[in-house]
PDB file of N, CA and C in Angstrom:
ATOM      1  N   UNK A   1       0.813  -1.196   0.000  1.00  0.00           N
ATOM      2  CA  UNK A   1       0.000   0.000   0.000  1.00  0.00           C
ATOM      3  C   UNK A   1       0.865   1.272   0.000  1.00  0.00           C
ATOM      4  N   UNK A   2       2.005   1.239   0.750  1.00  0.00           N
ATOM      5  CA  UNK A   2       2.900   2.392   0.780  1.00  0.00           C
ATOM      6  C   UNK A   2       3.488   2.673  -0.594  1.00  0.00           C
ATOM      7  N   UNK A   3       3.810   1.625  -1.332  1.00  0.00           N
ATOM      8  CA  UNK A   3       4.397   1.797  -2.665  1.00  0.00           C
ATOM      9  C   UNK A   3       3.390   2.445  -3.596  1.00  0.00           C
ATOM     10  N   UNK A   4       2.137   2.018  -3.560  1.00  0.00           N
ATOM     11  CA  UNK A   4       1.104   2.603  -4.417  1.00  0.00           C
ATOM     12  C   UNK A   4       0.900   4.084  -4.078  1.00  0.00           C
ATOM     13  N   UNK A   5       0.899   4.388  -2.778  1.00  0.00           N
ATOM     14  CA  UNK A   5       0.717   5.772  -2.347  1.00  0.00           C
ATOM     15  C   UNK A   5       1.903   6.639  -2.807  1.00  0.00           C
ATOM     16  N   UNK A   6       3.117   6.117  -2.678  1.00  0.00           N
ATOM     17  CA  UNK A   6       4.308   6.839  -3.114  1.00  0.00           C
ATOM     18  C   UNK A   6       4.290   7.065  -4.618  1.00  0.00           C
ATOM     19  N   UNK A   7       3.896   6.039  -5.375  1.00  0.00           N
ATOM     20  CA  UNK A   7       3.800   6.183  -6.839  1.00  0.00           C
ATOM     21  C   UNK A   7       2.741   7.203  -7.226  1.00  0.00           C
ATOM     22  N   UNK A   8       1.621   7.204  -6.489  1.00  0.00           N
ATOM     23  CA  UNK A   8       0.561   8.167  -6.768  1.00  0.00           C
ATOM     24  C   UNK A   8       1.060   9.594  -6.517  1.00  0.00           C
ATOM     25  N   UNK A   9       1.753   9.841  -5.387  1.00  0.00           N
ATOM     26  CA  UNK A   9       2.319  11.164  -5.107  1.00  0.00           C
ATOM     27  C   UNK A   9       3.329  11.576  -6.174  1.00  0.00           C
ATOM     28  N   UNK A  10       4.188  10.654  -6.569  1.00  0.00           N
ATOM     29  CA  UNK A  10       5.176  10.940  -7.606  1.00  0.00           C
ATOM     30  C   UNK A  10       4.492  11.305  -8.919  1.00  0.00           C
ATOM     31  N   UNK A  11       3.474  10.517  -9.304  1.00  0.00           N
ATOM     32  CA  UNK A  11       2.761  10.766 -10.559  1.00  0.00           C
ATOM     33  C   UNK A  11       2.057  12.123 -10.525  1.00  0.00           C
ATOM     34  N   UNK A  12       1.427  12.453  -9.412  1.00  0.00           N
ATOM     35  CA  UNK A  12       0.739  13.743  -9.299  1.00  0.00           C
ATOM     36  C   UNK A  12       1.731  14.909  -9.331  1.00  0.00           C
ATOM     37  N   UNK A  13       2.855  14.759  -8.645  1.00  0.00           N
ATOM     38  CA  UNK A  13       3.877  15.802  -8.657  1.00  0.00           C
ATOM     39  C   UNK A  13       4.427  16.010 -10.066  1.00  0.00           C
ATOM     40  N   UNK A  14       4.727  14.912 -10.743  1.00  0.00           N
ATOM     41  CA  UNK A  14       5.218  14.995 -12.115  1.00  0.00           C
ATOM     42  C   UNK A  14       4.193  15.669 -13.016  1.00  0.00           C
ATOM     43  N   UNK A  15       2.928  15.294 -12.878  1.00  0.00           N
ATOM     44  CA  UNK A  15       1.867  15.879 -13.695  1.00  0.00           C
ATOM     45  C   UNK A  15       1.743  17.381 -13.428  1.00  0.00           C
ATOM     46  N   UNK A  16       1.843  17.798 -12.174  1.00  0.00           N
ATOM     47  CA  UNK A  16       1.742  19.224 -11.854  1.00  0.00           C
ATOM     48  C   UNK A  16       2.911  20.008 -12.438  1.00  0.00           C
ATOM     49  N   UNK A  17       4.116  19.475 -12.298  1.00  0.00           N
ATOM     50  CA  UNK A  17       5.291  20.166 -12.842  1.00  0.00           C
ATOM     51  C   UNK A  17       5.198  20.247 -14.359  1.00  0.00           C
ATOM     52  N   UNK A  18       4.830  19.164 -14.998  1.00  0.00           N
ATOM     53  CA  UNK A  18       4.701  19.156 -16.457  1.00  0.00           C
ATOM     54  C   UNK A  18       3.615  20.123 -16.909  1.00  0.00           C
ATOM     55  N   UNK A  19       2.491  20.159 -16.199  1.00  0.00           N
ATOM     56  CA  UNK A  19       1.395  21.075 -16.554  1.00  0.00           C
ATOM     57  C   UNK A  19       1.835  22.527 -16.433  1.00  0.00           C
ATOM     58  N   UNK A  20       2.542  22.861 -15.359  1.00  0.00           N
ATOM     59  CA  UNK A  20       3.009  24.234 -15.177  1.00  0.00           C
ATOM     60  C   UNK A  20       4.006  24.639 -16.249  1.00  0.00           C
ATOM     61  N   UNK A  21       4.872  23.720 -16.632  1.00  0.00           N
ATOM     62  CA  UNK A  21       5.871  24.064 -17.637  1.00  0.00           C
ATOM     63  C   UNK A  21       5.251  24.290 -19.002  1.00  0.00           C
ATOM     64  N   UNK A  22       4.091  23.722 -19.256  1.00  0.00           N
ATOM     65  CA  UNK A  22       3.462  23.890 -20.572  1.00  0.00           C
ATOM     66  C   UNK A  22       2.636  25.170 -20.664  1.00  0.00           C
ATOM     67  N   UNK A  23       2.344  25.827 -19.545  1.00  0.00           N
ATOM     68  CA  UNK A  23       1.541  27.048 -19.592  1.00  0.00           C
ATOM     69  C   UNK A  23       2.352  28.311 -19.356  1.00  0.00           C
ATOM     70  N   UNK A  24       3.628  28.184 -18.986  1.00  0.00           N
ATOM     71  CA  UNK A  24       4.438  29.386 -18.782  1.00  0.00           C
ATOM     72  C   UNK A  24       4.923  29.913 -20.123  1.00  0.00           C
ATOM     73  N   UNK A  25       5.096  31.226 -20.187  1.00  0.00           N
ATOM     74  CA  UNK A  25       5.567  31.856 -21.420  1.00  0.00           C
ATOM     75  C   UNK A  25       7.025  31.506 -21.676  1.00  0.00           C
ATOM     76  N   UNK A  26       7.363  31.435 -22.929  1.00  0.00           N
ATOM     77  CA  UNK A  26       8.766  31.251 -23.300  1.00  0.00           C
ATOM     78  C   UNK A  26       9.517  32.546 -23.058  1.00  0.00           C
ATOM     79  N   UNK A  27      10.767  32.436 -22.719  1.00  0.00           N
ATOM     80  CA  UNK A  27      11.605  33.622 -22.581  1.00  0.00           C
ATOM     81  C   UNK A  27      12.735  33.516 -23.585  1.00  0.00           C
ATOM     82  N   UNK A  28      13.177  34.650 -24.046  1.00  0.00           N
ATOM     83  CA  UNK A  28      14.211  34.680 -25.064  1.00  0.00           C
ATOM     84  C   UNK A  28      15.291  35.671 -24.679  1.00  0.00           C
ATOM     85  N   UNK A  29      16.480  35.400 -25.094  1.00  0.00           N
ATOM     86  CA  UNK A  29      17.585  36.331 -24.898  1.00  0.00           C
ATOM     87  C   UNK A  29      18.075  36.763 -26.280  1.00  0.00           C
ATOM     88  N   UNK A  30      18.311  38.033 -26.432  1.00  0.00           N
ATOM     89  CA  UNK A  30      18.785  38.569 -27.702  1.00  0.00           C
ATOM     90  C   UNK A  30      20.045  39.387 -27.466  1.00  0.00           C
ATOM     91  N   UNK A  31      20.864  39.403 -28.452  1.00  0.00           N
ATOM     92  CA  UNK A  31      22.039  40.260 -28.411  1.00  0.00           C
ATOM     93  C   UNK A  31      21.794  41.407 -29.367  1.00  0.00           C
ATOM     94  N   UNK A  32      22.267  42.565 -29.005  1.00  0.00           N
ATOM     95  CA  UNK A  32      22.139  43.719 -29.887  1.00  0.00           C
ATOM     96  C   UNK A  32      23.010  43.506 -31.107  1.00  0.00           C
ATOM     97  N   UNK A  33      22.503  43.933 -32.249  1.00  0.00           N
ATOM     98  CA  UNK A  33      23.286  43.839 -33.478  1.00  0.00           C
ATOM     99  C   UNK A  33      23.165  45.158 -34.218  1.00  0.00           C
ATOM    100  N   UNK A  34      24.033  45.365 -35.132  1.00  0.00           N
ATOM    101  CA  UNK A  34      23.973  46.586 -35.931  1.00  0.00           C
ATOM    102  C   UNK A  34      24.317  47.819 -35.122  1.00  0.00           C
ATOM    103  N   UNK A  35      25.233  47.696 -34.166  1.00  0.00           N
ATOM    104  CA  UNK A  35      25.617  48.841 -33.353  1.00  0.00           C
ATOM    105  C   UNK A  35      26.619  49.684 -34.126  1.00  0.00           C
ATOM    106  N   UNK A  36      26.343  50.966 -34.185  1.00  0.00           N
ATOM    107  CA  UNK A  36      27.290  51.852 -34.850  1.00  0.00           C
ATOM    108  C   UNK A  36      27.640  52.976 -33.893  1.00  0.00           C
ATOM    109  N   UNK A  37      28.753  53.597 -34.092  1.00  0.00           N
ATOM    110  CA  UNK A  37      29.201  54.661 -33.204  1.00  0.00           C
ATOM    111  C   UNK A  37      30.407  54.189 -32.409  1.00  0.00           C
ATOM    112  N   UNK A  38      30.853  55.020 -31.483  1.00  0.00           N
ATOM    113  CA  UNK A  38      31.976  54.643 -30.622  1.00  0.00           C
ATOM    114  C   UNK A  38      31.775  55.245 -29.243  1.00  0.00           C
ATOM    115  N   UNK A  39      32.631  54.909 -28.298  1.00  0.00           N
ATOM    116  CA  UNK A  39      32.465  55.352 -26.921  1.00  0.00           C
ATOM    117  C   UNK A  39      32.646  56.843 -26.726  1.00  0.00           C
ATOM    118  N   UNK A  40      33.254  57.529 -27.673  1.00  0.00           N
ATOM    119  CA  UNK A  40      33.418  58.977 -27.518  1.00  0.00           C
ATOM    120  C   UNK A  40      32.191  59.721 -28.022  1.00  0.00           C
ATOM    121  N   UNK A  41      31.295  58.998 -28.679  1.00  0.00           N
ATOM    122  CA  UNK A  41      30.081  59.602 -29.206  1.00  0.00           C
ATOM    123  C   UNK A  41      29.029  59.721 -28.106  1.00  0.00           C
ATOM    124  N   UNK A  42      28.111  60.663 -28.248  1.00  0.00           N
ATOM    125  CA  UNK A  42      26.985  60.742 -27.314  1.00  0.00           C
ATOM    126  C   UNK A  42      25.737  60.140 -27.931  1.00  0.00           C
ATOM    127  N   UNK A  43      25.881  59.462 -29.078  1.00  0.00           N
ATOM    128  CA  UNK A  43      24.735  58.824 -29.720  1.00  0.00           C
ATOM    129  C   UNK A  43      25.190  57.554 -30.422  1.00  0.00           C
ATOM    130  N   UNK A  44      24.430  56.485 -30.240  1.00  0.00           N
ATOM    131  CA  UNK A  44      24.692  55.215 -30.912  1.00  0.00           C
ATOM    132  C   UNK A  44      23.371  54.660 -31.411  1.00  0.00           C
ATOM    133  N   UNK A  45      23.418  53.776 -32.377  1.00  0.00           N
ATOM    134  CA  UNK A  45      22.217  53.124 -32.896  1.00  0.00           C
ATOM    135  C   UNK A  45      22.309  51.642 -32.544  1.00  0.00           C
ATOM    136  N   UNK A  46      21.268  51.136 -31.912  1.00  0.00           N
ATOM    137  CA  UNK A  46      21.202  49.720 -31.552  1.00  0.00           C
ATOM    138  C   UNK A  46      19.920  49.149 -32.132  1.00  0.00           C
ATOM    139  N   UNK A  47      20.012  48.022 -32.827  1.00  0.00           N
ATOM    140  CA  UNK A  47      18.843  47.357 -33.382  1.00  0.00           C
ATOM    141  C   UNK A  47      18.478  46.174 -32.494  1.00  0.00           C
ATOM    142  N   UNK A  48      17.250  46.176 -31.976  1.00  0.00           N
ATOM    143  CA  UNK A  48      16.781  45.073 -31.139  1.00  0.00           C
ATOM    144  C   UNK A  48      15.353  44.732 -31.522  1.00  0.00           C
ATOM    145  N   UNK A  49      14.809  43.673 -30.921  1.00  0.00           N
ATOM    146  CA  UNK A  49      13.434  43.265 -31.202  1.00  0.00           C
ATOM    147  C   UNK A  49      12.418  44.202 -30.568  1.00  0.00           C
ATOM    148  N   UNK A  50      11.151  44.017 -30.909  1.00  0.00           N
ATOM    149  CA  UNK A  50      10.067  44.853 -30.400  1.00  0.00           C
ATOM    150  C   UNK A  50       9.772  44.623 -28.925  1.00  0.00           C
ATOM    151  N   UNK A  51      10.239  43.544 -28.368  1.00  0.00           N
ATOM    152  CA  UNK A  51       9.905  43.138 -27.013  1.00  0.00           C
ATOM    153  C   UNK A  51      10.582  43.968 -25.941  1.00  0.00           C
ATOM    154  N   UNK A  52      11.574  44.735 -26.284  1.00  0.00           N
ATOM    155  CA  UNK A  52      12.407  45.410 -25.285  1.00  0.00           C
ATOM    156  C   UNK A  52      11.639  46.492 -24.542  1.00  0.00           C
ATOM    157  N   UNK A  53      11.860  46.545 -23.252  1.00  0.00           N
ATOM    158  CA  UNK A  53      11.388  47.674 -22.460  1.00  0.00           C
ATOM    159  C   UNK A  53      12.473  47.949 -21.423  1.00  0.00           C
ATOM    160  N   UNK A  54      12.651  49.191 -21.096  1.00  0.00           N
ATOM    161  CA  UNK A  54      13.724  49.580 -20.206  1.00  0.00           C
ATOM    162  C   UNK A  54      13.153  50.360 -19.041  1.00  0.00           C
ATOM    163  N   UNK A  55      13.795  50.267 -17.890  1.00  0.00           N
ATOM    164  CA  UNK A  55      13.298  51.013 -16.734  1.00  0.00           C
ATOM    165  C   UNK A  55      13.480  52.508 -16.931  1.00  0.00           C
ATOM    166  N   UNK A  56      12.620  53.259 -16.303  1.00  0.00           N
ATOM    167  CA  UNK A  56      12.734  54.705 -16.312  1.00  0.00           C
ATOM    168  C   UNK A  56      13.883  55.107 -15.378  1.00  0.00           C
ATOM    169  N   UNK A  57      14.664  56.103 -15.775  1.00  0.00           N
ATOM    170  CA  UNK A  57      15.794  56.552 -14.959  1.00  0.00           C
ATOM    171  C   UNK A  57      15.300  56.945 -13.574  1.00  0.00           C
ATOM    172  N   UNK A  58      16.052  56.567 -12.551  1.00  0.00           N
ATOM    173  CA  UNK A  58      15.715  56.864 -11.166  1.00  0.00           C
ATOM    174  C   UNK A  58      16.951  57.415 -10.461  1.00  0.00           C
ATOM    175  N   UNK A  59      16.821  58.554  -9.811  1.00  0.00           N
ATOM    176  CA  UNK A  59      17.951  59.215  -9.160  1.00  0.00           C
ATOM    177  C   UNK A  59      18.567  58.372  -8.046  1.00  0.00           C
ATOM    178  N   UNK A  60      17.815  57.445  -7.480  1.00  0.00           N
ATOM    179  CA  UNK A  60      18.307  56.649  -6.351  1.00  0.00           C
ATOM    180  C   UNK A  60      18.864  55.288  -6.763  1.00  0.00           C
ATOM    181  N   UNK A  61      18.932  55.023  -8.056  1.00  0.00           N
ATOM    182  CA  UNK A  61      19.424  53.732  -8.540  1.00  0.00           C
ATOM    183  C   UNK A  61      20.868  53.864  -9.001  1.00  0.00           C
ATOM    184  N   UNK A  62      21.681  52.878  -8.664  1.00  0.00           N
ATOM    185  CA  UNK A  62      23.052  52.830  -9.166  1.00  0.00           C
ATOM    186  C   UNK A  62      23.026  52.068 -10.482  1.00  0.00           C
ATOM    187  N   UNK A  63      23.509  52.683 -11.535  1.00  0.00           N
ATOM    188  CA  UNK A  63      23.530  52.052 -12.853  1.00  0.00           C
ATOM    189  C   UNK A  63      24.941  51.583 -13.168  1.00  0.00           C
ATOM    190  N   UNK A  64      25.039  50.391 -13.712  1.00  0.00           N
ATOM    191  CA  UNK A  64      26.319  49.806 -14.078  1.00  0.00           C
ATOM    192  C   UNK A  64      26.571  49.984 -15.565  1.00  0.00           C
ATOM    193  N   UNK A  65      27.818  49.913 -15.966  1.00  0.00           N
ATOM    194  CA  UNK A  65      28.189  50.048 -17.376  1.00  0.00           C
ATOM    195  C   UNK A  65      27.326  49.117 -18.225  1.00  0.00           C
ATOM    196  N   UNK A  66      26.743  49.664 -19.293  1.00  0.00           N
ATOM    197  CA  UNK A  66      25.957  48.863 -20.228  1.00  0.00           C
ATOM    198  C   UNK A  66      24.471  48.848 -19.960  1.00  0.00           C
ATOM    199  N   UNK A  67      24.042  49.283 -18.785  1.00  0.00           N
ATOM    200  CA  UNK A  67      22.604  49.294 -18.503  1.00  0.00           C
ATOM    201  C   UNK A  67      21.942  50.423 -19.275  1.00  0.00           C
ATOM    202  N   UNK A  68      20.723  50.164 -19.744  1.00  0.00           N
ATOM    203  CA  UNK A  68      19.983  51.142 -20.546  1.00  0.00           C
ATOM    204  C   UNK A  68      18.752  51.580 -19.763  1.00  0.00           C
ATOM    205  N   UNK A  69      18.477  52.880 -19.801  1.00  0.00           N
ATOM    206  CA  UNK A  69      17.305  53.441 -19.133  1.00  0.00           C
ATOM    207  C   UNK A  69      16.538  54.319 -20.121  1.00  0.00           C
ATOM    208  N   UNK A  70      15.271  54.540 -19.808  1.00  0.00           N
ATOM    209  CA  UNK A  70      14.439  55.462 -20.576  1.00  0.00           C
ATOM    210  C   UNK A  70      14.344  56.750 -19.773  1.00  0.00           C
ATOM    211  N   UNK A  71      14.528  57.884 -20.447  1.00  0.00           N
ATOM    212  CA  UNK A  71      14.429  59.189 -19.783  1.00  0.00           C
ATOM    213  C   UNK A  71      13.811  60.176 -20.758  1.00  0.00           C
ATOM    214  N   UNK A  72      12.644  60.693 -20.414  1.00  0.00           N
ATOM    215  CA  UNK A  72      11.928  61.670 -21.249  1.00  0.00           C
ATOM    216  C   UNK A  72      11.763  61.205 -22.692  1.00  0.00           C
ATOM    217  N   UNK A  73      11.432  59.928 -22.885  1.00  0.00           N
ATOM    218  CA  UNK A  73      11.177  59.394 -24.222  1.00  0.00           C
ATOM    219  C   UNK A  73      12.403  58.984 -25.006  1.00  0.00           C
ATOM    220  N   UNK A  74      13.591  59.168 -24.441  1.00  0.00           N
ATOM    221  CA  UNK A  74      14.836  58.748 -25.088  1.00  0.00           C
ATOM    222  C   UNK A  74      15.486  57.663 -24.244  1.00  0.00           C
ATOM    223  N   UNK A  75      16.458  56.976 -24.832  1.00  0.00           N
ATOM    224  CA  UNK A  75      17.138  55.878 -24.155  1.00  0.00           C
ATOM    225  C   UNK A  75      18.619  56.202 -24.012  1.00  0.00           C
ATOM    226  N   UNK A  76      19.168  55.841 -22.857  1.00  0.00           N
ATOM    227  CA  UNK A  76      20.560  56.137 -22.556  1.00  0.00           C
ATOM    228  C   UNK A  76      21.235  54.897 -21.983  1.00  0.00           C
ATOM    229  N   UNK A  77      22.464  54.655 -22.447  1.00  0.00           N
ATOM    230  CA  UNK A  77      23.257  53.535 -21.962  1.00  0.00           C
ATOM    231  C   UNK A  77      24.382  54.072 -21.081  1.00  0.00           C
ATOM    232  N   UNK A  78      24.568  53.448 -19.922  1.00  0.00           N
ATOM    233  CA  UNK A  78      25.613  53.889 -18.990  1.00  0.00           C
ATOM    234  C   UNK A  78      26.991  53.558 -19.550  1.00  0.00           C
ATOM    235  N   UNK A  79      27.841  54.589 -19.679  1.00  0.00           N
ATOM    236  CA  UNK A  79      29.229  54.392 -20.107  1.00  0.00           C
ATOM    237  C   UNK A  79      30.110  54.049 -18.911  1.00  0.00           C
ATOM    238  N   UNK A  80      29.710  54.523 -17.734  1.00  0.00           N
ATOM    239  CA  UNK A  80      30.437  54.283 -16.479  1.00  0.00           C
ATOM    240  C   UNK A  80      29.407  53.979 -15.406  1.00  0.00           C
ATOM    241  N   UNK A  81      29.826  53.270 -14.364  1.00  0.00           N
ATOM    242  CA  UNK A  81      28.949  53.081 -13.212  1.00  0.00           C
ATOM    243  C   UNK A  81      28.614  54.456 -12.654  1.00  0.00           C
ATOM    244  N   UNK A  82      27.343  54.686 -12.331  1.00  0.00           N
ATOM    245  CA  UNK A  82      26.974  55.992 -11.803  1.00  0.00           C
ATOM    246  C   UNK A  82      25.672  55.946 -11.022  1.00  0.00           C
ATOM    247  N   UNK A  83      25.498  56.929 -10.179  1.00  0.00           N
ATOM    248  CA  UNK A  83      24.241  57.143  -9.459  1.00  0.00           C
ATOM    249  C   UNK A  83      24.005  58.647  -9.393  1.00  0.00           C
ATOM    250  N   UNK A  84      22.787  59.066  -9.728  1.00  0.00           N
ATOM    251  CA  UNK A  84      22.439  60.480  -9.639  1.00  0.00           C
ATOM    252  C   UNK A  84      22.810  61.341 -10.824  1.00  0.00           C
ATOM    253  N   UNK A  85      23.472  60.783 -11.844  1.00  0.00           N
ATOM    254  CA  UNK A  85      23.788  61.565 -13.043  1.00  0.00           C
ATOM    255  C   UNK A  85      22.580  61.507 -13.976  1.00  0.00           C
ATOM    256  N   UNK A  86      21.788  62.555 -13.958  1.00  0.00           N
ATOM    257  CA  UNK A  86      20.562  62.604 -14.749  1.00  0.00           C
ATOM    258  C   UNK A  86      20.903  62.897 -16.207  1.00  0.00           C
ATOM    259  N   UNK A  87      20.512  61.990 -17.112  1.00  0.00           N
ATOM    260  CA  UNK A  87      20.831  62.205 -18.531  1.00  0.00           C
ATOM    261  C   UNK A  87      20.312  63.564 -19.015  1.00  0.00           C
ATOM    262  N   UNK A  88      21.137  64.255 -19.740  1.00  0.00           N
ATOM    263  CA  UNK A  88      20.890  65.573 -20.357  1.00  0.00           C
ATOM    264  C   UNK A  88      20.774  66.722 -19.356  1.00  0.00           C
ATOM    265  N   UNK A  89      20.820  66.465 -18.052  1.00  0.00           N
ATOM    266  CA  UNK A  89      20.607  67.520 -17.059  1.00  0.00           C
ATOM    267  C   UNK A  89      21.848  67.755 -16.204  1.00  0.00           C
ATOM    268  N   UNK A  90      22.325  66.726 -15.527  1.00  0.00           N
ATOM    269  CA  UNK A  90      23.460  66.866 -14.623  1.00  0.00           C
ATOM    270  C   UNK A  90      24.709  67.257 -15.405  1.00  0.00           C
ATOM    271  N   UNK A  91      25.431  68.282 -14.968  1.00  0.00           N
ATOM    272  CA  UNK A  91      26.676  68.624 -15.658  1.00  0.00           C
ATOM    273  C   UNK A  91      27.599  67.404 -15.728  1.00  0.00           C
ATOM    274  N   UNK A  92      28.162  67.180 -16.893  1.00  0.00           N
ATOM    275  CA  UNK A  92      29.028  66.022 -17.096  1.00  0.00           C
ATOM    276  C   UNK A  92      28.274  64.736 -17.396  1.00  0.00           C
ATOM    277  N   UNK A  93      26.959  64.831 -17.640  1.00  0.00           N
ATOM    278  CA  UNK A  93      26.150  63.630 -17.888  1.00  0.00           C
ATOM    279  C   UNK A  93      26.667  62.830 -19.064  1.00  0.00           C
ATOM    280  N   UNK A  94      27.179  63.517 -20.124  1.00  0.00           N
ATOM    281  CA  UNK A  94      27.613  62.790 -21.327  1.00  0.00           C
ATOM    282  C   UNK A  94      28.910  62.028 -21.107  1.00  0.00           C
ATOM    283  N   UNK A  95      29.554  62.204 -19.976  1.00  0.00           N
ATOM    284  CA  UNK A  95      30.690  61.367 -19.611  1.00  0.00           C
ATOM    285  C   UNK A  95      30.232  60.065 -18.969  1.00  0.00           C
ATOM    286  N   UNK A  96      28.958  60.033 -18.560  1.00  0.00           N
ATOM    287  CA  UNK A  96      28.396  58.856 -17.888  1.00  0.00           C
ATOM    288  C   UNK A  96      27.356  58.127 -18.734  1.00  0.00           C
ATOM    289  N   UNK A  97      26.738  58.836 -19.654  1.00  0.00           N
ATOM    290  CA  UNK A  97      25.660  58.267 -20.466  1.00  0.00           C
ATOM    291  C   UNK A  97      25.903  58.499 -21.949  1.00  0.00           C
ATOM    292  N   UNK A  98      25.424  57.555 -22.769  1.00  0.00           N
ATOM    293  CA  UNK A  98      25.411  57.699 -24.228  1.00  0.00           C
ATOM    294  C   UNK A  98      23.971  57.521 -24.665  1.00  0.00           C
ATOM    295  N   UNK A  99      23.452  58.470 -25.419  1.00  0.00           N
ATOM    296  CA  UNK A  99      22.098  58.319 -25.949  1.00  0.00           C
ATOM    297  C   UNK A  99      22.114  57.220 -26.994  1.00  0.00           C
ATOM    298  N   UNK A 100      21.158  56.311 -26.935  1.00  0.00           N
ATOM    299  CA  UNK A 100      21.051  55.252 -27.929  1.00  0.00           C
ATOM    300  C   UNK A 100      19.702  55.351 -28.619  1.00  0.00           C
ATOM    301  N   UNK A 101      19.702  55.035 -29.892  1.00  0.00           N
ATOM    302  CA  UNK A 101      18.466  55.044 -30.678  1.00  0.00           C
ATOM    303  C   UNK A 101      18.077  53.585 -30.862  1.00  0.00           C
ATOM    304  N   UNK A 102      16.916  53.241 -30.367  1.00  0.00           N
ATOM    305  CA  UNK A 102      16.446  51.865 -30.415  1.00  0.00           C
ATOM    306  C   UNK A 102      15.455  51.734 -31.555  1.00  0.00           C
ATOM    307  N   UNK A 103      15.788  50.840 -32.481  1.00  0.00           N
ATOM    308  CA  UNK A 103      14.929  50.665 -33.664  1.00  0.00           C
ATOM    309  C   UNK A 103      14.260  49.326 -33.616  1.00  0.00           C
TER     310      UNK A 103
END
């Protein structure tokens, strides 16, 4: 009787895990392609899929090199780790951020 009960629990657990895996959305990772410009520029073009969304810039967040934020309808990529450097506003912002055009 214990073996039947154990098999039943195993079968139900397997069925639940399999059922959950079939209803979750797929996730994808993409790499940016078609990047033009250089690090001394304040503007670059990056081509990515339609799925991308970026967080809105926040004065209390520490941004690491390569992170992209949305600010006033434009997108900016961190050239250096920074906190509190508001894109287009804080003096010296273009030493910390590069505007990117997302297509």
